C-alpha atoms as a PDB file:
ATOM      1  CA  UNK A   1       0.000   0.000   0.000  1.00  0.00           C
ATOM      2  CA  UNK A   2       1.469   3.367  -0.997  1.00  0.00           C
ATOM      3  CA  UNK A   3       1.940   6.110   1.572  1.00  0.00           C
ATOM      4  CA  UNK A   4      -0.597   8.439  -0.063  1.00  0.00           C
ATOM      5  CA  UNK A   5      -3.224   5.705  -0.228  1.00  0.00           C
ATOM      6  CA  UNK A   6      -2.704   4.791   3.420  1.00  0.00           C
ATOM      7  CA  UNK A   7      -3.013   8.441   4.438  1.00  0.00           C
ATOM      8  CA  UNK A   8      -6.196   8.764   2.402  1.00  0.00           C
ATOM      9  CA  UNK A   9      -7.685   5.756   4.196  1.00  0.00           C
ATOM     10  CA  UNK A  10      -6.806   7.241   7.561  1.00  0.00           C
ATOM     11  CA  UNK A  11      -8.219  10.616   6.601  1.00  0.00           C
ATOM     12  CA  UNK A  12     -11.508   9.101   5.480  1.00  0.00           C
ATOM     13  CA  UNK A  13     -11.810   6.944   8.577  1.00  0.00           C
ATOM     14  CA  UNK A  14     -10.780   9.683  10.964  1.00  0.00           C
ATOM     15  CA  UNK A  15     -13.568  11.947   9.773  1.00  0.00           C
ATOM     16  CA  UNK A  16     -16.141   9.343  10.817  1.00  0.00           C
ATOM     17  CA  UNK A  17     -14.347   7.465  13.592  1.00  0.00           C
ATOM     18  CA  UNK A  18     -13.715  10.629  15.531  1.00  0.00           C
ATOM     19  CA  UNK A  19     -17.141  12.006  14.673  1.00  0.00           C
ATOM     20  CA  UNK A  20     -18.173  10.244  17.857  1.00  0.00           C
ATOM     21  CA  UNK A  21     -17.119  13.415  19.623  1.00  0.00           C
ATOM     22  CA  UNK A  22     -20.114  15.184  18.073  1.00  0.00           C
ATOM     23  CA  UNK A  23     -22.689  12.398  17.794  1.00  0.00           C
ATOM     24  CA  UNK A  24     -25.937  13.776  19.214  1.00  0.00           C
ATOM     25  CA  UNK A  25     -27.416  11.089  21.462  1.00  0.00           C
ATOM     26  CA  UNK A  26     -30.091  13.529  22.639  1.00  0.00           C
ATOM     27  CA  UNK A  27     -32.302  12.622  19.657  1.00  0.00           C
ATOM     28  CA  UNK A  28     -32.580   8.979  20.690  1.00  0.00           C
ATOM     29  CA  UNK A  29     -36.160   8.005  21.501  1.00  0.00           C
ATOM     30  CA  UNK A  30     -37.805  11.265  20.452  1.00  0.00           C
ATOM     31  CA  UNK A  31     -40.271   9.466  18.209  1.00  0.00           C
ATOM     32  CA  UNK A  32     -41.647   7.057  20.803  1.00  0.00           C
ATOM     33  CA  UNK A  33     -41.636   3.284  21.168  1.00  0.00           C
ATOM     34  CA  UNK A  34     -44.203   2.735  18.421  1.00  0.00           C
ATOM     35  CA  UNK A  35     -41.754   3.551  15.634  1.00  0.00           C
ATOM     36  CA  UNK A  36     -39.674   0.392  15.599  1.00  0.00           C
ATOM     37  CA  UNK A  37     -37.768   0.241  12.339  1.00  0.00           C
ATOM     38  CA  UNK A  38     -35.327  -2.598  11.803  1.00  0.00           C
ATOM     39  CA  UNK A  39     -34.138  -1.694   8.297  1.00  0.00           C
ATOM     40  CA  UNK A  40     -33.304   1.563   6.548  1.00  0.00           C
ATOM     41  CA  UNK A  41     -31.600   2.186   3.206  1.00  0.00           C
ATOM     42  CA  UNK A  42     -28.769   4.721   3.224  1.00  0.00           C
ATOM     43  CA  UNK A  43     -25.787   5.731   1.111  1.00  0.00           C
ATOM     44  CA  UNK A  44     -27.830   6.698  -1.917  1.00  0.00           C
ATOM     45  CA  UNK A  45     -29.443   3.254  -2.015  1.00  0.00           C
ATOM     46  CA  UNK A  46     -26.198   1.316  -1.559  1.00  0.00           C
ATOM     47  CA  UNK A  47     -26.358   0.431   2.147  1.00  0.00           C
ATOM     48  CA  UNK A  48     -29.239  -1.517   3.678  1.00  0.00           C
ATOM     49  CA  UNK A  49     -28.763  -1.049   7.412  1.00  0.00           C
ATOM     50  CA  UNK A  50     -30.364  -4.025   9.166  1.00  0.00           C
ATOM     51  CA  UNK A  51     -30.615  -4.116  12.951  1.00  0.00           C
ATOM     52  CA  UNK A  52     -29.647  -7.243  14.912  1.00  0.00           C
ATOM     53  CA  UNK A  53     -32.386  -9.127  16.796  1.00  0.00           C
ATOM     54  CA  UNK A  54     -33.949  -7.034  19.561  1.00  0.00           C
ATOM     55  CA  UNK A  55     -32.606  -3.736  18.239  1.00  0.00           C
ATOM     56  CA  UNK A  56     -34.364  -0.988  16.303  1.00  0.00           C
ATOM     57  CA  UNK A  57     -33.303   2.043  14.294  1.00  0.00           C
ATOM     58  CA  UNK A  58     -34.470   5.340  15.766  1.00  0.00           C
ATOM     59  CA  UNK A  59     -36.170   7.254  12.897  1.00  0.00           C
ATOM     60  CA  UNK A  60     -35.435  10.590  14.573  1.00  0.00           C
ATOM     61  CA  UNK A  61     -31.709   9.944  14.295  1.00  0.00           C
ATOM     62  CA  UNK A  62     -31.586   9.090  10.589  1.00  0.00           C
ATOM     63  CA  UNK A  63     -30.002  11.704   8.338  1.00  0.00           C
ATOM     64  CA  UNK A  64     -29.285  11.344   4.616  1.00  0.00           C
ATOM     65  CA  UNK A  65     -27.469  13.648   2.219  1.00  0.00           C
ATOM     66  CA  UNK A  66     -26.627  12.069  -1.110  1.00  0.00           C
ATOM     67  CA  UNK A  67     -24.406   9.088  -0.303  1.00  0.00           C
ATOM     68  CA  UNK A  68     -23.621  10.337   3.213  1.00  0.00           C
ATOM     69  CA  UNK A  69     -25.775   9.081   6.061  1.00  0.00           C
ATOM     70  CA  UNK A  70     -26.090   8.558   9.791  1.00  0.00           C
ATOM     71  CA  UNK A  71     -28.380   6.548  12.098  1.00  0.00           C
ATOM     72  CA  UNK A  72     -28.586   5.317  15.689  1.00  0.00           C
ATOM     73  CA  UNK A  73     -29.919   2.050  17.105  1.00  0.00           C
ATOM     74  CA  UNK A  74     -30.934   0.866  20.565  1.00  0.00           C
ATOM     75  CA  UNK A  75     -32.959  -1.963  22.035  1.00  0.00           C
ATOM     76  CA  UNK A  76     -36.504  -1.692  20.694  1.00  0.00           C
ATOM     77  CA  UNK A  77     -38.017  -1.457  24.174  1.00  0.00           C
ATOM     78  CA  UNK A  78     -35.654   1.433  24.970  1.00  0.00           C
ATOM     79  CA  UNK A  79     -36.788   3.690  22.148  1.00  0.00           C
ATOM     80  CA  UNK A  80     -39.187   5.775  24.219  1.00  0.00           C
ATOM     81  CA  UNK A  81     -39.022   9.329  25.559  1.00  0.00           C
ATOM     82  CA  UNK A  82     -39.500   8.040  29.102  1.00  0.00           C
ATOM     83  CA  UNK A  83     -36.306   5.990  29.060  1.00  0.00           C
ATOM     84  CA  UNK A  84     -33.052   7.602  30.135  1.00  0.00           C
ATOM     85  CA  UNK A  85     -29.897   6.181  28.573  1.00  0.00           C
ATOM     86  CA  UNK A  86     -28.223   6.215  31.974  1.00  0.00           C
ATOM     87  CA  UNK A  87     -30.620   3.535  33.261  1.00  0.00           C
ATOM     88  CA  UNK A  88     -29.112   0.978  30.880  1.00  0.00           C
ATOM     89  CA  UNK A  89     -25.974   0.524  32.977  1.00  0.00           C
ATOM     90  CA  UNK A  90     -24.972  -3.123  33.166  1.00  0.00           C
ATOM     91  CA  UNK A  91     -27.390  -4.169  30.437  1.00  0.00           C
ATOM     92  CA  UNK A  92     -26.970  -4.593  26.690  1.00  0.00           C
ATOM     93  CA  UNK A  93     -25.466  -1.865  24.482  1.00  0.00           C
ATOM     94  CA  UNK A  94     -27.101   1.516  24.997  1.00  0.00           C
ATOM     95  CA  UNK A  95     -26.485   3.099  21.616  1.00  0.00           C
ATOM     96  CA  UNK A  96     -25.076   1.925  18.290  1.00  0.00           C
ATOM     97  CA  UNK A  97     -24.184   4.542  15.688  1.00  0.00           C
ATOM     98  CA  UNK A  98     -23.810   4.022  11.946  1.00  0.00           C
ATOM     99  CA  UNK A  99     -22.138   6.467   9.559  1.00  0.00           C
ATOM    100  CA  UNK A 100     -21.605   5.984   5.844  1.00  0.00           C
ATOM    101  CA  UNK A 101     -19.884   7.881   3.031  1.00  0.00           C
ATOM    102  CA  UNK A 102     -18.562   7.032  -0.444  1.00  0.00           C
ATOM    103  CA  UNK A 103     -15.455   4.838  -0.598  1.00  0.00           C
ATOM    104  CA  UNK A 104     -13.151   5.682  -3.500  1.00  0.00           C
ATOM    105  CA  UNK A 105     -10.087   3.584  -2.724  1.00  0.00           C
ATOM    106  CA  UNK A 106     -11.051   0.434  -4.603  1.00  0.00           C
ATOM    107  CA  UNK A 107     -10.082  -2.846  -2.963  1.00  0.00           C
ATOM    108  CA  UNK A 108      -7.797  -1.384  -0.297  1.00  0.00           C
ATOM    109  CA  UNK A 109      -8.579  -3.403   2.859  1.00  0.00           C
ATOM    110  CA  UNK A 110      -9.648  -1.967   6.190  1.00  0.00           C
ATOM    111  CA  UNK A 111      -8.042  -3.654   9.196  1.00  0.00           C
ATOM    112  CA  UNK A 112      -8.131  -3.125  12.937  1.00  0.00           C
ATOM    113  CA  UNK A 113      -4.779  -1.371  12.610  1.00  0.00           C
ATOM    114  CA  UNK A 114      -6.222   0.993  10.005  1.00  0.00           C
ATOM    115  CA  UNK A 115      -9.045   1.942  12.368  1.00  0.00           C
ATOM    116  CA  UNK A 116      -6.705   2.236  15.336  1.00  0.00           C
ATOM    117  CA  UNK A 117      -4.394   4.554  13.419  1.00  0.00           C
ATOM    118  CA  UNK A 118      -7.298   6.962  12.905  1.00  0.00           C
ATOM    119  CA  UNK A 119      -7.329   7.601  16.668  1.00  0.00           C
ATOM    120  CA  UNK A 120      -4.913   9.835  18.575  1.00  0.00           C
ATOM    121  CA  UNK A 121      -2.082   7.977  20.270  1.00  0.00           C
ATOM    122  CA  UNK A 122      -3.014   6.256  23.519  1.00  0.00           C
ATOM    123  CA  UNK A 123      -6.787   6.084  22.915  1.00  0.00           C
ATOM    124  CA  UNK A 124      -6.964   2.501  21.580  1.00  0.00           C
ATOM    125  CA  UNK A 125      -7.346  -0.247  24.190  1.00  0.00           C
ATOM    126  CA  UNK A 126      -7.820  -3.359  22.051  1.00  0.00           C
ATOM    127  CA  UNK A 127      -7.789  -4.418  18.393  1.00  0.00           C
ATOM    128  CA  UNK A 128      -9.699  -7.311  16.803  1.00  0.00           C
ATOM    129  CA  UNK A 129      -9.533  -8.556  13.215  1.00  0.00           C
ATOM    130  CA  UNK A 130     -12.732 -10.523  12.782  1.00  0.00           C
ATOM    131  CA  UNK A 131     -14.378 -12.915  12.796  1.00  0.00           C
ATOM    132  CA  UNK A 132     -16.772 -10.726  10.768  1.00  0.00           C
ATOM    133  CA  UNK A 133     -15.222  -7.271  10.590  1.00  0.00           C
ATOM    134  CA  UNK A 134     -12.213  -5.507  12.129  1.00  0.00           C
ATOM    135  CA  UNK A 135     -12.855  -3.400  15.217  1.00  0.00           C
ATOM    136  CA  UNK A 136     -11.152  -1.598  18.044  1.00  0.00           C
ATOM    137  CA  UNK A 137     -12.023  -0.730  21.617  1.00  0.00           C
ATOM    138  CA  UNK A 138     -11.029   2.847  22.409  1.00  0.00           C
ATOM    139  CA  UNK A 139     -11.506   5.749  24.810  1.00  0.00           C
ATOM    140  CA  UNK A 140     -13.277   9.014  24.090  1.00  0.00           C
ATOM    141  CA  UNK A 141     -16.125   9.965  21.781  1.00  0.00           C
ATOM    142  CA  UNK A 142     -19.259  10.091  23.960  1.00  0.00           C
ATOM    143  CA  UNK A 143     -20.565  13.384  25.353  1.00  0.00           C
ATOM    144  CA  UNK A 144     -20.718  13.372  29.138  1.00  0.00           C
ATOM    145  CA  UNK A 145     -24.342  14.526  29.234  1.00  0.00           C
ATOM    146  CA  UNK A 146     -25.484  11.319  27.511  1.00  0.00           C
ATOM    147  CA  UNK A 147     -24.750   9.082  30.504  1.00  0.00           C
ATOM    148  CA  UNK A 148     -22.517   6.930  28.322  1.00  0.00           C
ATOM    149  CA  UNK A 149     -18.977   5.948  29.220  1.00  0.00           C
ATOM    150  CA  UNK A 150     -15.885   7.004  27.293  1.00  0.00           C
ATOM    151  CA  UNK A 151     -14.888   3.433  26.368  1.00  0.00           C
ATOM    152  CA  UNK A 152     -16.532   2.251  23.160  1.00  0.00           C
ATOM    153  CA  UNK A 153     -16.211  -0.124  20.216  1.00  0.00           C
ATOM    154  CA  UNK A 154     -15.644   1.090  16.656  1.00  0.00           C
ATOM    155  CA  UNK A 155     -15.722  -0.970  13.461  1.00  0.00           C
ATOM    156  CA  UNK A 156     -15.603  -0.283   9.726  1.00  0.00           C
ATOM    157  CA  UNK A 157     -16.187  -2.112   6.458  1.00  0.00           C
ATOM    158  CA  UNK A 158     -16.879  -1.389   2.803  1.00  0.00           C
ATOM    159  CA  UNK A 159     -19.920  -2.599   0.873  1.00  0.00           C
ATOM    160  CA  UNK A 160     -21.169  -1.454  -2.552  1.00  0.00           C
ATOM    161  CA  UNK A 161     -18.418   1.190  -2.670  1.00  0.00           C
ATOM    162  CA  UNK A 162     -19.616   2.694   0.601  1.00  0.00           C
ATOM    163  CA  UNK A 163     -17.558   3.037   3.776  1.00  0.00           C
ATOM    164  CA  UNK A 164     -19.681   2.042   6.769  1.00  0.00           C
ATOM    165  CA  UNK A 165     -18.421   2.888  10.260  1.00  0.00           C
ATOM    166  CA  UNK A 166     -20.112   1.445  13.353  1.00  0.00           C
ATOM    167  CA  UNK A 167     -19.798   2.727  16.904  1.00  0.00           C
ATOM    168  CA  UNK A 168     -21.080   1.161  20.100  1.00  0.00           C
ATOM    169  CA  UNK A 169     -21.426   3.321  23.219  1.00  0.00           C
ATOM    170  CA  UNK A 170     -22.636   2.144  26.631  1.00  0.00           C
ATOM    171  CA  UNK A 171     -22.658   3.258  30.263  1.00  0.00           C
ATOM    172  CA  UNK A 172     -19.549   2.600  32.323  1.00  0.00           C
ATOM    173  CA  UNK A 173     -19.130  -1.017  33.473  1.00  0.00           C
ATOM    174  CA  UNK A 174     -21.735  -2.244  30.973  1.00  0.00           C
ATOM    175  CA  UNK A 175     -21.216  -5.707  29.484  1.00  0.00           C
ATOM    176  CA  UNK A 176     -21.393  -3.960  26.131  1.00  0.00           C
ATOM    177  CA  UNK A 177     -17.842  -2.675  26.429  1.00  0.00           C
ATOM    178  CA  UNK A 178     -16.654  -6.285  26.531  1.00  0.00           C
ATOM    179  CA  UNK A 179     -17.233  -9.290  24.288  1.00  0.00           C
ATOM    180  CA  UNK A 180     -21.010  -8.700  24.256  1.00  0.00           C
ATOM    181  CA  UNK A 181     -20.587  -5.419  22.426  1.00  0.00           C
ATOM    182  CA  UNK A 182     -18.051  -6.812  19.977  1.00  0.00           C
ATOM    183  CA  UNK A 183     -20.435  -9.640  19.136  1.00  0.00           C
ATOM    184  CA  UNK A 184     -23.309  -7.221  18.584  1.00  0.00           C
ATOM    185  CA  UNK A 185     -21.300  -5.081  16.170  1.00  0.00           C
ATOM    186  CA  UNK A 186     -20.350  -8.243  14.303  1.00  0.00           C
ATOM    187  CA  UNK A 187     -24.022  -9.207  13.979  1.00  0.00           C
ATOM    188  CA  UNK A 188     -24.976  -5.732  12.783  1.00  0.00           C
ATOM    189  CA  UNK A 189     -22.166  -5.719  10.221  1.00  0.00           C
ATOM    190  CA  UNK A 190     -22.991  -9.195   8.924  1.00  0.00           C
ATOM    191  CA  UNK A 191     -26.721  -8.465   8.561  1.00  0.00           C
ATOM    192  CA  UNK A 192     -26.037  -5.108   6.915  1.00  0.00           C
ATOM    193  CA  UNK A 193     -23.509  -6.524   4.453  1.00  0.00           C
ATOM    194  CA  UNK A 194     -25.848  -9.370   3.526  1.00  0.00           C
ATOM    195  CA  UNK A 195     -28.826  -7.052   2.991  1.00  0.00           C
ATOM    196  CA  UNK A 196     -26.701  -4.522   1.093  1.00  0.00           C
ATOM    197  CA  UNK A 197     -25.354  -7.141  -1.304  1.00  0.00           C
ATOM    198  CA  UNK A 198     -28.927  -8.002  -2.226  1.00  0.00           C
ATOM    199  CA  UNK A 199     -29.400  -4.474  -3.543  1.00  0.00           C
ATOM    200  CA  UNK A 200     -26.033  -4.500  -5.333  1.00  0.00           C
ATOM    201  CA  UNK A 201     -27.478  -6.085  -8.496  1.00  0.00           C
ATOM    202  CA  UNK A 202     -29.958  -3.253  -9.197  1.00  0.00           C
ATOM    203  CA  UNK A 203     -27.170  -0.734  -8.534  1.00  0.00           C
ATOM    204  CA  UNK A 204     -24.868  -2.448 -11.034  1.00  0.00           C
ATOM    205  CA  UNK A 205     -27.636  -2.589 -13.634  1.00  0.00           C
ATOM    206  CA  UNK A 206     -28.340   1.117 -13.243  1.00  0.00           C
ATOM    207  CA  UNK A 207     -24.644   1.987 -13.518  1.00  0.00           C
ATOM    208  CA  UNK A 208     -24.341  -0.061 -16.715  1.00  0.00           C
ATOM    209  CA  UNK A 209     -27.092   2.012 -18.340  1.00  0.00           C
ATOM    210  CA  UNK A 210     -25.454   5.332 -17.474  1.00  0.00           C
END
């Protein structure tokens, strides 16, 4: 991998990986428990975000602008205005964030090291390459007012020429900052990649006509 390509990968990842510093968790649950979406199409029709079992996408959090997009997920029974994120301490992951943007670097692979290098020195606690997608556990990225801890998981993958970056934030001492959270991100990534590949054929057909 050339130096300029590696720097471009880091620049693209850093913009989203470190966007956790500005992720607005205050919108979570604003639409009430009745709006329980488990799938949403993002990235200009290239990414089919599909929630893992028991989790829902909060419609109030979804933003789309061309091929850029953002969404948040939580347990379906937690998507209500009456539920405070802070009460989830010790339970399953409080919030999962998903960001996507165009990927223009071809087949260049994303690894745990690639993601880790997008963080400032000393923030990464752990790196994992697989079994589904690479991910890191790191410090920083959650606003204090949200009730979420600073330790979180972050993963990234490419599907249909879209970079998809996942973040998992939970209260301090939650099981989600351990293997439980890593497993959940793996499930989300696997379901999203599978669903997205199903819409890849129509995308290819449209591109061929252009």
